[in-house]
Amino acid sequence: MNADKEKLLKYWKKDKIVKDAKILKALTDVKREEFIPDYQKKFAYDDIPLHIGEGQTISQPTTVAIMTQALSPKLGEKILEVGTGSGYQSAILSKIIGPKGKIITIEYLKELYLFAKKNLKDFKNVSVLHGDGSKGYPKEAPFDKIIVTAAASSIPKQLLGQLKTGGVLVIPVGDFIQEMQKITKTKEGLKKEKLGEFRFVPLVLEDDGK
């Protein structure tokens, strides 16, 4: 195993960033170097975000670990991801939910959509779509879990509407600096948990005219 990757795995386990053995195994099994451009591969296990083209980045490994742990994916679940990027987060979720689960992941930027589709071709429980993920995907709703991997200025109401009761949404909210929020949808309303401050590229919307 790559020494830098092994160091990350030990850090996540020691500091209890990742407590679920299935999540740790998925992070071990999925090769981050397969989800970044060739010129970035030597930096694959540096704990930093990396450029993947179109002005976008793949999140630093520890951010991915924190978001995955917060989402708490389970076998057989149906999960929506908003902002596919290179496909790395979807690949990790794919391993955790197993063949009976399903990932719907949506990327707005065409070149990244094509890049992710290629990277995820062997992940049979992942469907990669091109479009505005902030609107969710009503055709497959409701979802057990929803994860947003780009910064939203506010929580899209359409995503909350497509989340099952008892379901979880993990999303970075804010402009320059984002607050990572874990939102659980209960019968009584929304339960919010703050997971710290992060920096993400902005969520690209159709209304942006890009």
C-alpha atoms as a PDB file:
ATOM      1  CA  MET A   1       0.000   0.000   0.000  1.00  0.00           C
ATOM      2  CA  ASN A   2       1.122   3.571  -0.701  1.00  0.00           C
ATOM      3  CA  ALA A   3       2.824   4.897   2.467  1.00  0.00           C
ATOM      4  CA  ASP A   4       0.933   8.211   2.377  1.00  0.00           C
ATOM      5  CA  LYS A   5      -2.379   6.387   2.024  1.00  0.00           C
ATOM      6  CA  GLU A   6      -1.520   4.124   4.937  1.00  0.00           C
ATOM      7  CA  LYS A   7      -0.686   7.198   7.033  1.00  0.00           C
ATOM      8  CA  LEU A   8      -4.086   8.724   6.235  1.00  0.00           C
ATOM      9  CA  LEU A   9      -5.946   5.539   7.126  1.00  0.00           C
ATOM     10  CA  LYS A  10      -4.141   5.299  10.478  1.00  0.00           C
ATOM     11  CA  TYR A  11      -4.898   8.972  11.202  1.00  0.00           C
ATOM     12  CA  TRP A  12      -8.623   8.555  10.438  1.00  0.00           C
ATOM     13  CA  LYS A  13      -8.837   5.478  12.622  1.00  0.00           C
ATOM     14  CA  LYS A  14      -6.730   6.856  15.514  1.00  0.00           C
ATOM     15  CA  ASP A  15      -8.569  10.198  15.666  1.00  0.00           C
ATOM     16  CA  LYS A  16     -11.953   8.455  15.207  1.00  0.00           C
ATOM     17  CA  ILE A  17     -12.732  10.496  12.100  1.00  0.00           C
ATOM     18  CA  VAL A  18     -13.921   7.210  10.623  1.00  0.00           C
ATOM     19  CA  LYS A  19     -15.562   4.873  13.127  1.00  0.00           C
ATOM     20  CA  ASP A  20     -17.368   2.549  10.723  1.00  0.00           C
ATOM     21  CA  ALA A  21     -15.258  -0.407   9.547  1.00  0.00           C
ATOM     22  CA  LYS A  22     -17.144  -0.630   6.236  1.00  0.00           C
ATOM     23  CA  ILE A  23     -16.369   3.015   5.456  1.00  0.00           C
ATOM     24  CA  LEU A  24     -12.709   2.528   6.349  1.00  0.00           C
ATOM     25  CA  LYS A  25     -12.550  -0.509   4.063  1.00  0.00           C
ATOM     26  CA  ALA A  26     -14.096   1.449   1.175  1.00  0.00           C
ATOM     27  CA  LEU A  27     -11.589   4.269   1.681  1.00  0.00           C
ATOM     28  CA  THR A  28      -8.856   1.621   1.654  1.00  0.00           C
ATOM     29  CA  ASP A  29     -10.117  -0.176  -1.447  1.00  0.00           C
ATOM     30  CA  VAL A  30     -10.880   2.798  -3.702  1.00  0.00           C
ATOM     31  CA  LYS A  31      -7.772   4.221  -5.386  1.00  0.00           C
ATOM     32  CA  ARG A  32      -7.861   8.031  -5.367  1.00  0.00           C
ATOM     33  CA  GLU A  33      -5.183   8.142  -8.073  1.00  0.00           C
ATOM     34  CA  GLU A  34      -7.705   6.681 -10.526  1.00  0.00           C
ATOM     35  CA  PHE A  35      -9.962   9.735 -10.101  1.00  0.00           C
ATOM     36  CA  ILE A  36      -7.507  12.537 -10.815  1.00  0.00           C
ATOM     37  CA  PRO A  37      -5.688  13.743 -13.937  1.00  0.00           C
ATOM     38  CA  ASP A  38      -2.369  12.041 -14.742  1.00  0.00           C
ATOM     39  CA  TYR A  39      -0.255  15.075 -13.821  1.00  0.00           C
ATOM     40  CA  GLN A  40      -1.734  15.050 -10.278  1.00  0.00           C
ATOM     41  CA  LYS A  41      -1.308  11.332  -9.523  1.00  0.00           C
ATOM     42  CA  LYS A  42       1.899  11.780  -7.513  1.00  0.00           C
ATOM     43  CA  PHE A  43      -0.120  13.924  -5.076  1.00  0.00           C
ATOM     44  CA  ALA A  44      -2.992  11.422  -4.756  1.00  0.00           C
ATOM     45  CA  TYR A  45      -2.511  10.805  -1.014  1.00  0.00           C
ATOM     46  CA  ASP A  46      -1.427  14.258   0.061  1.00  0.00           C
ATOM     47  CA  ASP A  47      -4.231  15.457   2.319  1.00  0.00           C
ATOM     48  CA  ILE A  48      -5.156  18.355   0.036  1.00  0.00           C
ATOM     49  CA  PRO A  49      -7.772  19.129  -2.634  1.00  0.00           C
ATOM     50  CA  LEU A  50      -6.528  18.666  -6.209  1.00  0.00           C
ATOM     51  CA  HIS A  51      -7.592  20.300  -9.458  1.00  0.00           C
ATOM     52  CA  ILE A  52      -9.537  18.036 -11.804  1.00  0.00           C
ATOM     53  CA  GLY A  53     -10.305  20.552 -14.561  1.00  0.00           C
ATOM     54  CA  GLU A  54     -13.120  23.007 -15.332  1.00  0.00           C
ATOM     55  CA  GLY A  55     -12.099  25.065 -12.298  1.00  0.00           C
ATOM     56  CA  GLN A  56     -13.176  22.229  -9.986  1.00  0.00           C
ATOM     57  CA  THR A  57     -11.380  20.145  -7.371  1.00  0.00           C
ATOM     58  CA  ILE A  58     -11.493  16.716  -5.804  1.00  0.00           C
ATOM     59  CA  SER A  59     -11.882  17.265  -2.047  1.00  0.00           C
ATOM     60  CA  GLN A  60      -9.023  16.504   0.285  1.00  0.00           C
ATOM     61  CA  PRO A  61      -9.171  12.891   1.519  1.00  0.00           C
ATOM     62  CA  THR A  62      -9.995  13.839   5.119  1.00  0.00           C
ATOM     63  CA  THR A  63     -12.972  15.928   3.976  1.00  0.00           C
ATOM     64  CA  VAL A  64     -14.272  12.946   2.006  1.00  0.00           C
ATOM     65  CA  ALA A  65     -13.804  10.736   5.077  1.00  0.00           C
ATOM     66  CA  ILE A  66     -15.675  13.200   7.344  1.00  0.00           C
ATOM     67  CA  MET A  67     -18.587  13.593   4.910  1.00  0.00           C
ATOM     68  CA  THR A  68     -18.886   9.846   4.344  1.00  0.00           C
ATOM     69  CA  GLN A  69     -18.870   9.126   8.085  1.00  0.00           C
ATOM     70  CA  ALA A  70     -21.529  11.818   8.649  1.00  0.00           C
ATOM     71  CA  LEU A  71     -23.712  10.423   5.862  1.00  0.00           C
ATOM     72  CA  SER A  72     -23.529   6.956   7.448  1.00  0.00           C
ATOM     73  CA  PRO A  73     -24.348   4.984   4.267  1.00  0.00           C
ATOM     74  CA  LYS A  74     -25.734   1.475   4.708  1.00  0.00           C
ATOM     75  CA  LEU A  75     -26.079  -1.653   2.613  1.00  0.00           C
ATOM     76  CA  GLY A  76     -28.879  -1.461   0.068  1.00  0.00           C
ATOM     77  CA  GLU A  77     -29.552   2.273   0.377  1.00  0.00           C
ATOM     78  CA  LYS A  78     -30.390   4.634  -2.461  1.00  0.00           C
ATOM     79  CA  ILE A  79     -28.211   7.744  -2.347  1.00  0.00           C
ATOM     80  CA  LEU A  80     -28.221  10.953  -4.373  1.00  0.00           C
ATOM     81  CA  GLU A  81     -24.938  12.795  -4.857  1.00  0.00           C
ATOM     82  CA  VAL A  82     -25.009  16.386  -6.109  1.00  0.00           C
ATOM     83  CA  GLY A  83     -21.706  17.299  -7.781  1.00  0.00           C
ATOM     84  CA  THR A  84     -20.036  14.166  -9.150  1.00  0.00           C
ATOM     85  CA  GLY A  85     -16.683  15.798  -9.827  1.00  0.00           C
ATOM     86  CA  SER A  86     -14.301  13.022 -10.824  1.00  0.00           C
ATOM     87  CA  GLY A  87     -16.480  10.297  -9.281  1.00  0.00           C
ATOM     88  CA  TYR A  88     -14.322   9.525  -6.227  1.00  0.00           C
ATOM     89  CA  GLN A  89     -17.054  10.056  -3.600  1.00  0.00           C
ATOM     90  CA  SER A  90     -19.513   7.947  -5.602  1.00  0.00           C
ATOM     91  CA  ALA A  91     -16.974   5.134  -5.861  1.00  0.00           C
ATOM     92  CA  ILE A  92     -16.572   5.047  -2.083  1.00  0.00           C
ATOM     93  CA  LEU A  93     -20.328   5.068  -1.499  1.00  0.00           C
ATOM     94  CA  SER A  94     -20.747   2.358  -4.133  1.00  0.00           C
ATOM     95  CA  LYS A  95     -18.489  -0.004  -2.177  1.00  0.00           C
ATOM     96  CA  ILE A  96     -20.398   0.600   1.055  1.00  0.00           C
ATOM     97  CA  ILE A  97     -23.985   0.205  -0.171  1.00  0.00           C
ATOM     98  CA  GLY A  98     -23.256  -2.956  -2.150  1.00  0.00           C
ATOM     99  CA  PRO A  99     -24.841  -4.344  -5.325  1.00  0.00           C
ATOM    100  CA  LYS A 100     -28.410  -4.003  -4.023  1.00  0.00           C
ATOM    101  CA  GLY A 101     -27.925  -0.305  -3.310  1.00  0.00           C
ATOM    102  CA  LYS A 102     -27.981   2.512  -5.850  1.00  0.00           C
ATOM    103  CA  ILE A 103     -26.096   5.774  -6.321  1.00  0.00           C
ATOM    104  CA  ILE A 104     -27.514   8.537  -8.513  1.00  0.00           C
ATOM    105  CA  THR A 105     -24.843  11.164  -9.058  1.00  0.00           C
ATOM    106  CA  ILE A 106     -25.358  14.389 -11.021  1.00  0.00           C
ATOM    107  CA  GLU A 107     -22.695  16.645 -12.527  1.00  0.00           C
ATOM    108  CA  TYR A 108     -23.491  19.948 -14.260  1.00  0.00           C
ATOM    109  CA  LEU A 109     -20.197  20.475 -16.109  1.00  0.00           C
ATOM    110  CA  LYS A 110     -20.080  18.381 -19.283  1.00  0.00           C
ATOM    111  CA  GLU A 111     -16.340  17.614 -19.307  1.00  0.00           C
ATOM    112  CA  LEU A 112     -16.403  16.458 -15.684  1.00  0.00           C
ATOM    113  CA  TYR A 113     -19.518  14.396 -16.328  1.00  0.00           C
ATOM    114  CA  LEU A 114     -17.657  12.572 -19.122  1.00  0.00           C
ATOM    115  CA  PHE A 115     -14.546  12.175 -16.934  1.00  0.00           C
ATOM    116  CA  ALA A 116     -16.588  10.729 -14.045  1.00  0.00           C
ATOM    117  CA  LYS A 117     -18.582   8.437 -16.332  1.00  0.00           C
ATOM    118  CA  LYS A 118     -15.326   6.944 -17.573  1.00  0.00           C
ATOM    119  CA  ASN A 119     -13.899   6.624 -14.059  1.00  0.00           C
ATOM    120  CA  LEU A 120     -17.062   4.930 -12.735  1.00  0.00           C
ATOM    121  CA  LYS A 121     -17.664   2.550 -15.651  1.00  0.00           C
ATOM    122  CA  ASP A 122     -16.935  -0.525 -13.508  1.00  0.00           C
ATOM    123  CA  PHE A 123     -19.176   0.591 -10.614  1.00  0.00           C
ATOM    124  CA  LYS A 124     -22.405  -1.041 -11.708  1.00  0.00           C
ATOM    125  CA  ASN A 125     -24.592   0.399  -8.926  1.00  0.00           C
ATOM    126  CA  VAL A 126     -23.743   4.006  -9.900  1.00  0.00           C
ATOM    127  CA  SER A 127     -25.709   6.037 -12.465  1.00  0.00           C
ATOM    128  CA  VAL A 128     -23.882   9.180 -13.631  1.00  0.00           C
ATOM    129  CA  LEU A 129     -26.168  11.934 -14.947  1.00  0.00           C
ATOM    130  CA  HIS A 130     -25.540  15.311 -16.566  1.00  0.00           C
ATOM    131  CA  GLY A 131     -27.663  18.171 -15.207  1.00  0.00           C
ATOM    132  CA  ASP A 132     -28.442  20.559 -12.352  1.00  0.00           C
ATOM    133  CA  GLY A 133     -28.210  18.424  -9.235  1.00  0.00           C
ATOM    134  CA  SER A 134     -29.570  21.154  -6.959  1.00  0.00           C
ATOM    135  CA  LYS A 135     -33.000  20.179  -8.278  1.00  0.00           C
ATOM    136  CA  GLY A 136     -32.436  16.608  -7.188  1.00  0.00           C
ATOM    137  CA  TYR A 137     -33.774  13.748  -9.281  1.00  0.00           C
ATOM    138  CA  PRO A 138     -37.541  13.346  -8.751  1.00  0.00           C
ATOM    139  CA  LYS A 139     -37.667  10.229 -10.949  1.00  0.00           C
ATOM    140  CA  GLU A 140     -35.762   8.225  -8.305  1.00  0.00           C
ATOM    141  CA  ALA A 141     -36.973  10.024  -5.160  1.00  0.00           C
ATOM    142  CA  PRO A 142     -37.255   9.569  -2.276  1.00  0.00           C
ATOM    143  CA  PHE A 143     -33.633   8.935  -1.266  1.00  0.00           C
ATOM    144  CA  ASP A 144     -32.279   7.389   1.921  1.00  0.00           C
ATOM    145  CA  LYS A 145     -29.353   9.798   1.914  1.00  0.00           C
ATOM    146  CA  ILE A 146     -28.242  12.872  -0.061  1.00  0.00           C
ATOM    147  CA  ILE A 147     -24.712  14.279  -0.206  1.00  0.00           C
ATOM    148  CA  VAL A 148     -23.752  17.611  -1.776  1.00  0.00           C
ATOM    149  CA  THR A 149     -20.080  18.018  -2.653  1.00  0.00           C
ATOM    150  CA  ALA A 150     -20.102  21.723  -3.592  1.00  0.00           C
ATOM    151  CA  ALA A 151     -20.919  24.869  -1.634  1.00  0.00           C
ATOM    152  CA  ALA A 152     -24.558  25.956  -1.503  1.00  0.00           C
ATOM    153  CA  SER A 153     -25.536  29.453  -0.354  1.00  0.00           C
ATOM    154  CA  SER A 154     -28.606  27.851   1.235  1.00  0.00           C
ATOM    155  CA  ILE A 155     -30.086  24.377   1.459  1.00  0.00           C
ATOM    156  CA  PRO A 156     -32.034  23.573  -1.743  1.00  0.00           C
ATOM    157  CA  LYS A 157     -35.659  22.899  -0.750  1.00  0.00           C
ATOM    158  CA  GLN A 158     -36.044  20.422  -3.593  1.00  0.00           C
ATOM    159  CA  LEU A 159     -33.393  18.200  -2.037  1.00  0.00           C
ATOM    160  CA  LEU A 160     -35.129  18.183   1.343  1.00  0.00           C
ATOM    161  CA  GLY A 161     -38.372  17.316  -0.425  1.00  0.00           C
ATOM    162  CA  GLN A 162     -36.732  14.272  -2.026  1.00  0.00           C
ATOM    163  CA  LEU A 163     -35.277  12.948   1.237  1.00  0.00           C
ATOM    164  CA  LYS A 164     -37.041  10.158   3.104  1.00  0.00           C
ATOM    165  CA  THR A 165     -38.235  10.719   6.652  1.00  0.00           C
ATOM    166  CA  GLY A 166     -35.346   9.448   8.744  1.00  0.00           C
ATOM    167  CA  GLY A 167     -32.956  10.272   5.911  1.00  0.00           C
ATOM    168  CA  VAL A 168     -29.766  12.318   6.116  1.00  0.00           C
ATOM    169  CA  LEU A 169     -28.470  15.227   4.013  1.00  0.00           C
ATOM    170  CA  VAL A 170     -24.815  16.279   4.281  1.00  0.00           C
ATOM    171  CA  ILE A 171     -24.076  19.641   2.685  1.00  0.00           C
ATOM    172  CA  PRO A 172     -21.569  22.534   2.971  1.00  0.00           C
ATOM    173  CA  VAL A 173     -23.506  25.796   3.370  1.00  0.00           C
ATOM    174  CA  GLY A 174     -22.115  29.296   2.963  1.00  0.00           C
ATOM    175  CA  ASP A 175     -20.260  31.540   0.574  1.00  0.00           C
ATOM    176  CA  PHE A 176     -16.512  32.140   1.143  1.00  0.00           C
ATOM    177  CA  ILE A 177     -16.258  29.709   4.078  1.00  0.00           C
ATOM    178  CA  GLN A 178     -18.834  26.942   4.422  1.00  0.00           C
ATOM    179  CA  GLU A 179     -20.287  25.253   7.458  1.00  0.00           C
ATOM    180  CA  MET A 180     -20.682  21.536   6.920  1.00  0.00           C
ATOM    181  CA  GLN A 181     -24.151  20.510   8.051  1.00  0.00           C
ATOM    182  CA  LYS A 182     -25.652  17.113   8.713  1.00  0.00           C
ATOM    183  CA  ILE A 183     -29.428  17.377   8.466  1.00  0.00           C
ATOM    184  CA  THR A 184     -31.674  14.535   9.580  1.00  0.00           C
ATOM    185  CA  LYS A 185     -35.270  14.680   8.405  1.00  0.00           C
ATOM    186  CA  THR A 186     -37.580  13.562  11.218  1.00  0.00           C
ATOM    187  CA  LYS A 187     -41.348  13.482  11.617  1.00  0.00           C
ATOM    188  CA  GLU A 188     -40.999  16.472  13.932  1.00  0.00           C
ATOM    189  CA  GLY A 189     -38.870  18.493  11.520  1.00  0.00           C
ATOM    190  CA  LEU A 190     -35.211  18.941  10.614  1.00  0.00           C
ATOM    191  CA  LYS A 191     -32.437  18.112  13.059  1.00  0.00           C
ATOM    192  CA  LYS A 192     -29.222  19.996  12.228  1.00  0.00           C
ATOM    193  CA  GLU A 193     -25.716  19.131  13.325  1.00  0.00           C
ATOM    194  CA  LYS A 194     -22.665  21.315  12.584  1.00  0.00           C
ATOM    195  CA  LEU A 195     -19.520  19.487  11.470  1.00  0.00           C
ATOM    196  CA  GLY A 196     -17.052  22.367  11.210  1.00  0.00           C
ATOM    197  CA  GLU A 197     -15.851  24.869   8.629  1.00  0.00           C
ATOM    198  CA  PHE A 198     -14.677  23.898   5.145  1.00  0.00           C
ATOM    199  CA  ARG A 199     -13.994  25.441   1.747  1.00  0.00           C
ATOM    200  CA  PHE A 200     -15.646  24.094  -1.387  1.00  0.00           C
ATOM    201  CA  VAL A 201     -16.054  25.334  -4.932  1.00  0.00           C
ATOM    202  CA  PRO A 202     -19.567  26.781  -5.489  1.00  0.00           C
ATOM    203  CA  LEU A 203     -22.454  24.619  -6.603  1.00  0.00           C
ATOM    204  CA  VAL A 204     -23.028  25.368 -10.300  1.00  0.00           C
ATOM    205  CA  LEU A 205     -26.701  25.937 -11.150  1.00  0.00           C
ATOM    206  CA  GLU A 206     -28.547  26.238 -14.446  1.00  0.00           C
ATOM    207  CA  ASP A 207     -29.707  29.698 -13.379  1.00  0.00           C
ATOM    208  CA  ASP A 208     -26.064  30.823 -13.252  1.00  0.00           C
ATOM    209  CA  GLY A 209     -26.130  30.925 -17.037  1.00  0.00           C
ATOM    210  CA  LYS A 210     -22.947  28.903 -17.352  1.00  0.00           C
END
